[in-house]
Amino acid sequence: MRRRGPWAVLAVLFVVVPIIEIYLIVQLGQEIGPWWTIVLLIGAGVLGSVLVKREGGRAWRALQDALASHRMPATELADGALILIGGTLLLTPGFMSDVVGLFCILPFTRPVARRALAGIVRRRLVVMTARRPGHTEVIRGEVVDDE
């Protein structure tokens, strides 16, 4: 069975998600009014900026500490990537993207997002390694979370 590849994912990201976001904004606007909807969208952007600044600073200090102690900064790099992704989603207008963005940024939900990110990276590495010409062995292991 042939995989569809990244085209299906891109179609969902660039077509389906914006349609859902617009639908949610219109529905909320009909319930609470357009001005309150705009206030909520702006508030989510401001909240996202504050959270990115705070959590990004924490992640940067953790990365510096890991490097100073000569430790592999895998968790810190993953946190930095998740904060960047989450901040981008929070600054993008829409409520569904805000929920996913908060999930990536908040310190108590980020470990779950980090495990999901590690699983995605692990699957991609196995697929990429298996596709190499002449490659017959896949090395299996586990990702250790420092927390």
N, C-alpha and C. Protein backbone atom coordinates (compact mmCIF):
# COMPACT_ATOMS: atom_id res chain seq x y z
N MET A 1 0.84 -1.18 0.00
CA MET A 1 0.00 0.00 0.00
C MET A 1 0.88 1.25 0.00
N ARG A 2 0.62 2.15 -0.90
CA ARG A 2 1.44 3.35 -1.05
C ARG A 2 0.94 4.45 -0.12
N ARG A 3 1.88 5.11 0.56
CA ARG A 3 1.53 6.22 1.44
C ARG A 3 1.24 7.46 0.62
N ARG A 4 0.37 8.30 1.10
CA ARG A 4 0.01 9.52 0.37
C ARG A 4 1.09 10.60 0.48
N GLY A 5 1.93 10.50 1.48
CA GLY A 5 3.00 11.47 1.63
C GLY A 5 2.54 12.77 2.23
N PRO A 6 3.35 13.79 2.06
CA PRO A 6 3.05 15.06 2.71
C PRO A 6 1.92 15.85 2.07
N TRP A 7 1.48 15.46 0.88
CA TRP A 7 0.44 16.24 0.20
C TRP A 7 -0.87 16.23 0.95
N ALA A 8 -1.24 15.12 1.53
CA ALA A 8 -2.49 15.06 2.29
C ALA A 8 -2.40 15.94 3.54
N VAL A 9 -1.26 15.91 4.19
CA VAL A 9 -1.06 16.75 5.38
C VAL A 9 -1.11 18.23 4.99
N LEU A 10 -0.45 18.58 3.90
CA LEU A 10 -0.46 19.97 3.45
C LEU A 10 -1.87 20.42 3.06
N ALA A 11 -2.63 19.54 2.44
CA ALA A 11 -4.01 19.89 2.07
C ALA A 11 -4.83 20.19 3.32
N VAL A 12 -4.67 19.38 4.34
CA VAL A 12 -5.40 19.61 5.59
C VAL A 12 -4.95 20.92 6.22
N LEU A 13 -3.63 21.15 6.28
CA LEU A 13 -3.12 22.35 6.92
C LEU A 13 -3.53 23.64 6.21
N PHE A 14 -3.52 23.64 4.89
CA PHE A 14 -3.76 24.87 4.15
C PHE A 14 -5.18 25.04 3.64
N VAL A 15 -6.00 24.00 3.71
CA VAL A 15 -7.37 24.13 3.23
C VAL A 15 -8.38 23.87 4.35
N VAL A 16 -8.29 22.73 4.97
CA VAL A 16 -9.30 22.33 5.96
C VAL A 16 -9.20 23.15 7.24
N VAL A 17 -7.99 23.32 7.77
CA VAL A 17 -7.83 24.05 9.03
C VAL A 17 -8.31 25.50 8.92
N PRO A 18 -7.94 26.27 7.90
CA PRO A 18 -8.47 27.64 7.80
C PRO A 18 -10.00 27.69 7.68
N ILE A 19 -10.59 26.72 7.00
CA ILE A 19 -12.06 26.70 6.89
C ILE A 19 -12.67 26.48 8.27
N ILE A 20 -12.10 25.57 9.05
CA ILE A 20 -12.61 25.33 10.41
C ILE A 20 -12.41 26.56 11.27
N GLU A 21 -11.26 27.21 11.16
CA GLU A 21 -11.00 28.44 11.94
C GLU A 21 -12.01 29.53 11.60
N ILE A 22 -12.26 29.75 10.32
CA ILE A 22 -13.23 30.77 9.91
C ILE A 22 -14.62 30.42 10.44
N TYR A 23 -15.00 29.16 10.33
CA TYR A 23 -16.30 28.72 10.85
C TYR A 23 -16.42 29.01 12.34
N LEU A 24 -15.38 28.68 13.10
CA LEU A 24 -15.43 28.92 14.55
C LEU A 24 -15.51 30.40 14.88
N ILE A 25 -14.76 31.23 14.14
CA ILE A 25 -14.81 32.68 14.38
C ILE A 25 -16.20 33.22 14.06
N VAL A 26 -16.79 32.79 12.96
CA VAL A 26 -18.13 33.26 12.59
C VAL A 26 -19.16 32.81 13.63
N GLN A 27 -19.08 31.55 14.05
CA GLN A 27 -20.04 31.05 15.04
C GLN A 27 -19.92 31.80 16.36
N LEU A 28 -18.69 32.03 16.82
CA LEU A 28 -18.50 32.77 18.06
C LEU A 28 -18.97 34.22 17.89
N GLY A 29 -18.70 34.81 16.73
CA GLY A 29 -19.15 36.17 16.46
C GLY A 29 -20.67 36.29 16.50
N GLN A 30 -21.37 35.27 16.06
CA GLN A 30 -22.83 35.28 16.11
C GLN A 30 -23.34 35.12 17.54
N GLU A 31 -22.59 34.43 18.37
CA GLU A 31 -23.01 34.20 19.76
C GLU A 31 -22.72 35.39 20.66
N ILE A 32 -21.50 35.93 20.58
CA ILE A 32 -21.11 36.99 21.52
C ILE A 32 -20.96 38.35 20.86
N GLY A 33 -21.06 38.40 19.56
CA GLY A 33 -20.93 39.66 18.84
C GLY A 33 -19.55 39.80 18.22
N PRO A 34 -19.49 40.58 17.14
CA PRO A 34 -18.22 40.70 16.41
C PRO A 34 -17.13 41.40 17.22
N TRP A 35 -17.49 42.43 17.99
CA TRP A 35 -16.46 43.17 18.72
C TRP A 35 -15.84 42.32 19.81
N TRP A 36 -16.65 41.55 20.53
CA TRP A 36 -16.09 40.68 21.56
C TRP A 36 -15.24 39.57 20.94
N THR A 37 -15.62 39.12 19.77
CA THR A 37 -14.81 38.12 19.07
C THR A 37 -13.45 38.69 18.70
N ILE A 38 -13.46 39.93 18.20
CA ILE A 38 -12.19 40.59 17.87
C ILE A 38 -11.35 40.80 19.12
N VAL A 39 -11.98 41.20 20.23
CA VAL A 39 -11.25 41.38 21.49
C VAL A 39 -10.62 40.05 21.92
N LEU A 40 -11.36 38.95 21.80
CA LEU A 40 -10.80 37.63 22.16
C LEU A 40 -9.62 37.26 21.27
N LEU A 41 -9.73 37.51 19.98
CA LEU A 41 -8.63 37.20 19.06
C LEU A 41 -7.38 38.02 19.39
N ILE A 42 -7.58 39.32 19.66
CA ILE A 42 -6.44 40.18 20.03
C ILE A 42 -5.87 39.74 21.38
N GLY A 43 -6.75 39.42 22.33
CA GLY A 43 -6.30 38.96 23.64
C GLY A 43 -5.49 37.68 23.56
N ALA A 44 -5.89 36.77 22.69
CA ALA A 44 -5.13 35.53 22.51
C ALA A 44 -3.75 35.83 21.94
N GLY A 45 -3.66 36.80 21.03
CA GLY A 45 -2.37 37.19 20.49
C GLY A 45 -1.47 37.81 21.54
N VAL A 46 -2.04 38.67 22.38
CA VAL A 46 -1.26 39.30 23.46
C VAL A 46 -0.82 38.24 24.47
N LEU A 47 -1.74 37.36 24.85
CA LEU A 47 -1.40 36.27 25.78
C LEU A 47 -0.29 35.40 25.19
N GLY A 48 -0.39 35.11 23.91
CA GLY A 48 0.65 34.32 23.24
C GLY A 48 2.00 35.01 23.29
N SER A 49 2.03 36.32 23.07
CA SER A 49 3.29 37.06 23.12
C SER A 49 3.91 37.00 24.51
N VAL A 50 3.09 37.19 25.53
CA VAL A 50 3.58 37.15 26.92
C VAL A 50 4.11 35.76 27.25
N LEU A 51 3.34 34.73 26.89
CA LEU A 51 3.77 33.36 27.20
C LEU A 51 5.03 32.97 26.45
N VAL A 52 5.14 33.37 25.19
CA VAL A 52 6.33 33.04 24.41
C VAL A 52 7.55 33.72 25.02
N LYS A 53 7.40 34.96 25.43
CA LYS A 53 8.53 35.67 26.04
C LYS A 53 8.95 34.97 27.34
N ARG A 54 7.98 34.64 28.20
CA ARG A 54 8.31 34.01 29.48
C ARG A 54 8.89 32.61 29.30
N GLU A 55 8.17 31.76 28.57
CA GLU A 55 8.61 30.37 28.40
C GLU A 55 9.83 30.26 27.50
N GLY A 56 9.94 31.16 26.52
CA GLY A 56 11.12 31.17 25.67
C GLY A 56 12.37 31.53 26.47
N GLY A 57 12.23 32.48 27.37
CA GLY A 57 13.35 32.83 28.24
C GLY A 57 13.77 31.67 29.12
N ARG A 58 12.79 30.98 29.68
CA ARG A 58 13.09 29.80 30.50
C ARG A 58 13.78 28.72 29.68
N ALA A 59 13.30 28.48 28.48
CA ALA A 59 13.90 27.46 27.62
C ALA A 59 15.33 27.86 27.24
N TRP A 60 15.55 29.13 26.97
CA TRP A 60 16.88 29.60 26.60
C TRP A 60 17.86 29.40 27.77
N ARG A 61 17.42 29.75 28.99
CA ARG A 61 18.29 29.55 30.16
C ARG A 61 18.56 28.07 30.39
N ALA A 62 17.56 27.23 30.21
CA ALA A 62 17.76 25.79 30.37
C ALA A 62 18.73 25.25 29.33
N LEU A 63 18.64 25.75 28.11
CA LEU A 63 19.58 25.34 27.06
C LEU A 63 21.00 25.76 27.41
N GLN A 64 21.18 26.98 27.88
CA GLN A 64 22.50 27.45 28.27
C GLN A 64 23.06 26.62 29.43
N ASP A 65 22.20 26.28 30.41
CA ASP A 65 22.64 25.45 31.53
C ASP A 65 23.08 24.06 31.06
N ALA A 66 22.32 23.48 30.14
CA ALA A 66 22.67 22.15 29.62
C ALA A 66 24.00 22.20 28.89
N LEU A 67 24.20 23.22 28.08
CA LEU A 67 25.46 23.35 27.36
C LEU A 67 26.63 23.61 28.31
N ALA A 68 26.39 24.42 29.33
CA ALA A 68 27.46 24.71 30.30
C ALA A 68 27.85 23.46 31.09
N SER A 69 26.90 22.56 31.32
CA SER A 69 27.21 21.34 32.06
C SER A 69 27.61 20.19 31.12
N HIS A 70 27.82 20.50 29.85
CA HIS A 70 28.26 19.51 28.84
C HIS A 70 27.29 18.34 28.73
N ARG A 71 26.01 18.66 28.76
CA ARG A 71 24.96 17.66 28.65
C ARG A 71 24.23 17.87 27.33
N MET A 72 23.83 16.79 26.69
CA MET A 72 23.09 16.87 25.43
C MET A 72 21.75 17.58 25.68
N PRO A 73 21.48 18.70 25.02
CA PRO A 73 20.27 19.48 25.31
C PRO A 73 19.04 19.06 24.50
N ALA A 74 18.76 17.78 24.43
CA ALA A 74 17.64 17.30 23.61
C ALA A 74 16.30 17.86 24.09
N THR A 75 16.05 17.77 25.39
CA THR A 75 14.78 18.27 25.94
C THR A 75 14.66 19.77 25.74
N GLU A 76 15.75 20.48 25.97
CA GLU A 76 15.73 21.94 25.85
C GLU A 76 15.50 22.37 24.40
N LEU A 77 16.10 21.66 23.45
CA LEU A 77 15.88 21.99 22.04
C LEU A 77 14.45 21.68 21.62
N ALA A 78 13.91 20.57 22.11
CA ALA A 78 12.51 20.24 21.80
C ALA A 78 11.58 21.28 22.40
N ASP A 79 11.86 21.72 23.63
CA ASP A 79 11.04 22.76 24.24
C ASP A 79 11.10 24.05 23.43
N GLY A 80 12.30 24.41 22.98
CA GLY A 80 12.44 25.62 22.16
C GLY A 80 11.63 25.53 20.87
N ALA A 81 11.68 24.38 20.23
CA ALA A 81 10.90 24.19 18.99
C ALA A 81 9.41 24.26 19.28
N LEU A 82 8.97 23.63 20.36
CA LEU A 82 7.54 23.65 20.70
C LEU A 82 7.07 25.07 21.05
N ILE A 83 7.91 25.83 21.75
CA ILE A 83 7.53 27.21 22.08
C ILE A 83 7.45 28.05 20.82
N LEU A 84 8.36 27.84 19.89
CA LEU A 84 8.31 28.56 18.62
C LEU A 84 7.04 28.21 17.83
N ILE A 85 6.73 26.93 17.76
CA ILE A 85 5.52 26.49 17.07
C ILE A 85 4.28 27.03 17.77
N GLY A 86 4.24 26.89 19.10
CA GLY A 86 3.09 27.37 19.86
C GLY A 86 2.90 28.86 19.75
N GLY A 87 3.98 29.62 19.78
CA GLY A 87 3.88 31.07 19.64
C GLY A 87 3.35 31.47 18.28
N THR A 88 3.81 30.79 17.26
CA THR A 88 3.31 31.08 15.91
C THR A 88 1.81 30.79 15.82
N LEU A 89 1.38 29.68 16.42
CA LEU A 89 -0.03 29.34 16.39
C LEU A 89 -0.87 30.32 17.20
N LEU A 90 -0.33 30.82 18.32
CA LEU A 90 -1.08 31.79 19.12
C LEU A 90 -1.19 33.14 18.44
N LEU A 91 -0.20 33.51 17.66
CA LEU A 91 -0.25 34.79 16.95
C LEU A 91 -1.10 34.72 15.69
N THR A 92 -1.38 33.51 15.22
CA THR A 92 -2.23 33.31 14.06
C THR A 92 -3.69 33.45 14.50
N PRO A 93 -4.49 34.28 13.82
CA PRO A 93 -5.89 34.42 14.23
C PRO A 93 -6.65 33.09 14.11
N GLY A 94 -7.35 32.74 15.15
CA GLY A 94 -8.14 31.52 15.16
C GLY A 94 -8.12 30.88 16.53
N PHE A 95 -9.20 30.21 16.86
CA PHE A 95 -9.32 29.65 18.21
C PHE A 95 -8.79 28.22 18.28
N MET A 96 -8.93 27.46 17.23
CA MET A 96 -8.39 26.10 17.22
C MET A 96 -6.87 26.15 17.27
N SER A 97 -6.26 27.05 16.52
CA SER A 97 -4.81 27.19 16.56
C SER A 97 -4.34 27.69 17.92
N ASP A 98 -5.16 28.51 18.60
CA ASP A 98 -4.81 28.98 19.94
C ASP A 98 -4.75 27.83 20.93
N VAL A 99 -5.69 26.91 20.83
CA VAL A 99 -5.70 25.76 21.75
C VAL A 99 -4.45 24.91 21.54
N VAL A 100 -4.11 24.64 20.30
CA VAL A 100 -2.91 23.84 20.00
C VAL A 100 -1.66 24.61 20.42
N GLY A 101 -1.64 25.91 20.19
CA GLY A 101 -0.50 26.74 20.59
C GLY A 101 -0.30 26.73 22.10
N LEU A 102 -1.37 26.88 22.85
CA LEU A 102 -1.27 26.82 24.31
C LEU A 102 -0.76 25.46 24.77
N PHE A 103 -1.22 24.42 24.13
CA PHE A 103 -0.78 23.06 24.46
C PHE A 103 0.73 22.92 24.29
N CYS A 104 1.27 23.59 23.28
CA CYS A 104 2.72 23.52 23.03
C CYS A 104 3.52 24.40 23.98
N ILE A 105 2.93 25.48 24.48
CA ILE A 105 3.68 26.45 25.27
C ILE A 105 3.59 26.22 26.77
N LEU A 106 2.42 25.89 27.27
CA LEU A 106 2.25 25.80 28.73
C LEU A 106 3.17 24.73 29.32
N PRO A 107 3.83 25.05 30.42
CA PRO A 107 4.82 24.11 30.97
C PRO A 107 4.24 22.79 31.46
N PHE A 108 2.96 22.75 31.82
CA PHE A 108 2.39 21.49 32.30
C PHE A 108 1.82 20.63 31.18
N THR A 109 1.65 21.17 29.98
CA THR A 109 1.23 20.35 28.84
C THR A 109 2.37 20.09 27.86
N ARG A 110 3.43 20.87 27.95
CA ARG A 110 4.55 20.71 27.02
C ARG A 110 5.20 19.33 27.06
N PRO A 111 5.33 18.68 28.23
CA PRO A 111 5.91 17.32 28.21
C PRO A 111 5.12 16.35 27.33
N VAL A 112 3.80 16.48 27.31
CA VAL A 112 2.98 15.62 26.45
C VAL A 112 3.27 15.95 24.98
N ALA A 113 3.33 17.24 24.67
CA ALA A 113 3.64 17.66 23.30
C ALA A 113 5.05 17.21 22.92
N ARG A 114 5.97 17.25 23.88
CA ARG A 114 7.36 16.82 23.61
C ARG A 114 7.41 15.34 23.28
N ARG A 115 6.65 14.53 24.00
CA ARG A 115 6.60 13.09 23.69
C ARG A 115 6.02 12.85 22.31
N ALA A 116 4.99 13.60 21.95
CA ALA A 116 4.40 13.46 20.62
C ALA A 116 5.42 13.86 19.54
N LEU A 117 6.13 14.96 19.78
CA LEU A 117 7.16 15.41 18.84
C LEU A 117 8.26 14.36 18.71
N ALA A 118 8.68 13.78 19.84
CA ALA A 118 9.72 12.74 19.80
C ALA A 118 9.24 11.52 19.01
N GLY A 119 7.97 11.16 19.15
CA GLY A 119 7.43 10.04 18.38
C GLY A 119 7.41 10.31 16.89
N ILE A 120 7.05 11.53 16.51
CA ILE A 120 7.04 11.90 15.10
C ILE A 120 8.46 11.85 14.53
N VAL A 121 9.41 12.43 15.25
CA VAL A 121 10.79 12.44 14.79
C VAL A 121 11.33 11.01 14.70
N ARG A 122 11.01 10.19 15.69
CA ARG A 122 11.49 8.81 15.70
C ARG A 122 10.95 8.05 14.48
N ARG A 123 9.66 8.19 14.19
CA ARG A 123 9.07 7.51 13.02
C ARG A 123 9.72 7.99 11.73
N ARG A 124 9.94 9.29 11.61
CA ARG A 124 10.56 9.82 10.39
C ARG A 124 11.99 9.31 10.22
N LEU A 125 12.73 9.21 11.33
CA LEU A 125 14.10 8.71 11.24
C LEU A 125 14.13 7.25 10.84
N VAL A 126 13.20 6.45 11.36
CA VAL A 126 13.14 5.04 10.99
C VAL A 126 12.82 4.90 9.51
N VAL A 127 11.87 5.70 9.01
CA VAL A 127 11.50 5.64 7.59
C VAL A 127 12.67 6.09 6.73
N MET A 128 13.32 7.18 7.11
CA MET A 128 14.44 7.68 6.31
C MET A 128 15.60 6.69 6.32
N THR A 129 15.86 6.08 7.46
CA THR A 129 16.95 5.12 7.56
C THR A 129 16.64 3.87 6.74
N ALA A 130 15.40 3.42 6.78
CA ALA A 130 15.02 2.21 6.05
C ALA A 130 15.07 2.42 4.54
N ARG A 131 14.94 3.64 4.07
CA ARG A 131 14.94 3.92 2.62
C ARG A 131 16.34 4.02 2.04
N ARG A 132 17.36 4.07 2.87
CA ARG A 132 18.72 4.19 2.34
C ARG A 132 19.07 2.95 1.53
N PRO A 133 19.71 3.12 0.39
CA PRO A 133 20.09 1.96 -0.44
C PRO A 133 21.06 1.05 0.31
N GLY A 134 20.80 -0.23 0.25
CA GLY A 134 21.68 -1.21 0.88
C GLY A 134 21.48 -1.34 2.38
N HIS A 135 20.56 -0.59 2.92
CA HIS A 135 20.34 -0.64 4.36
C HIS A 135 19.40 -1.79 4.69
N THR A 136 19.80 -2.63 5.62
CA THR A 136 18.99 -3.80 5.97
C THR A 136 18.65 -3.85 7.44
N GLU A 137 19.17 -2.94 8.26
CA GLU A 137 18.97 -3.02 9.69
C GLU A 137 18.41 -1.72 10.22
N VAL A 138 17.43 -1.82 11.11
CA VAL A 138 16.89 -0.66 11.79
C VAL A 138 17.26 -0.81 13.25
N ILE A 139 17.91 0.18 13.79
CA ILE A 139 18.30 0.15 15.20
C ILE A 139 17.14 0.70 16.02
N ARG A 140 16.67 -0.10 16.94
CA ARG A 140 15.55 0.30 17.77
C ARG A 140 16.08 0.72 19.13
N GLY A 141 15.41 1.66 19.74
CA GLY A 141 15.80 2.14 21.05
C GLY A 141 14.69 2.98 21.61
N GLU A 142 14.99 3.69 22.64
CA GLU A 142 13.98 4.56 23.22
C GLU A 142 14.58 5.91 23.48
N VAL A 143 13.70 6.92 23.50
CA VAL A 143 14.11 8.26 23.80
C VAL A 143 13.90 8.46 25.28
N VAL A 144 14.92 8.92 25.96
CA VAL A 144 14.84 9.12 27.41
C VAL A 144 14.52 10.57 27.65
N ASP A 145 13.46 10.79 28.42
CA ASP A 145 13.05 12.14 28.78
C ASP A 145 13.70 12.47 30.12
N ASP A 146 14.38 13.61 30.19
CA ASP A 146 15.12 13.98 31.38
C ASP A 146 14.23 14.37 32.54
N GLU A 147 12.95 14.58 32.30
CA GLU A 147 12.08 15.04 33.38
C GLU A 147 11.48 13.89 34.12
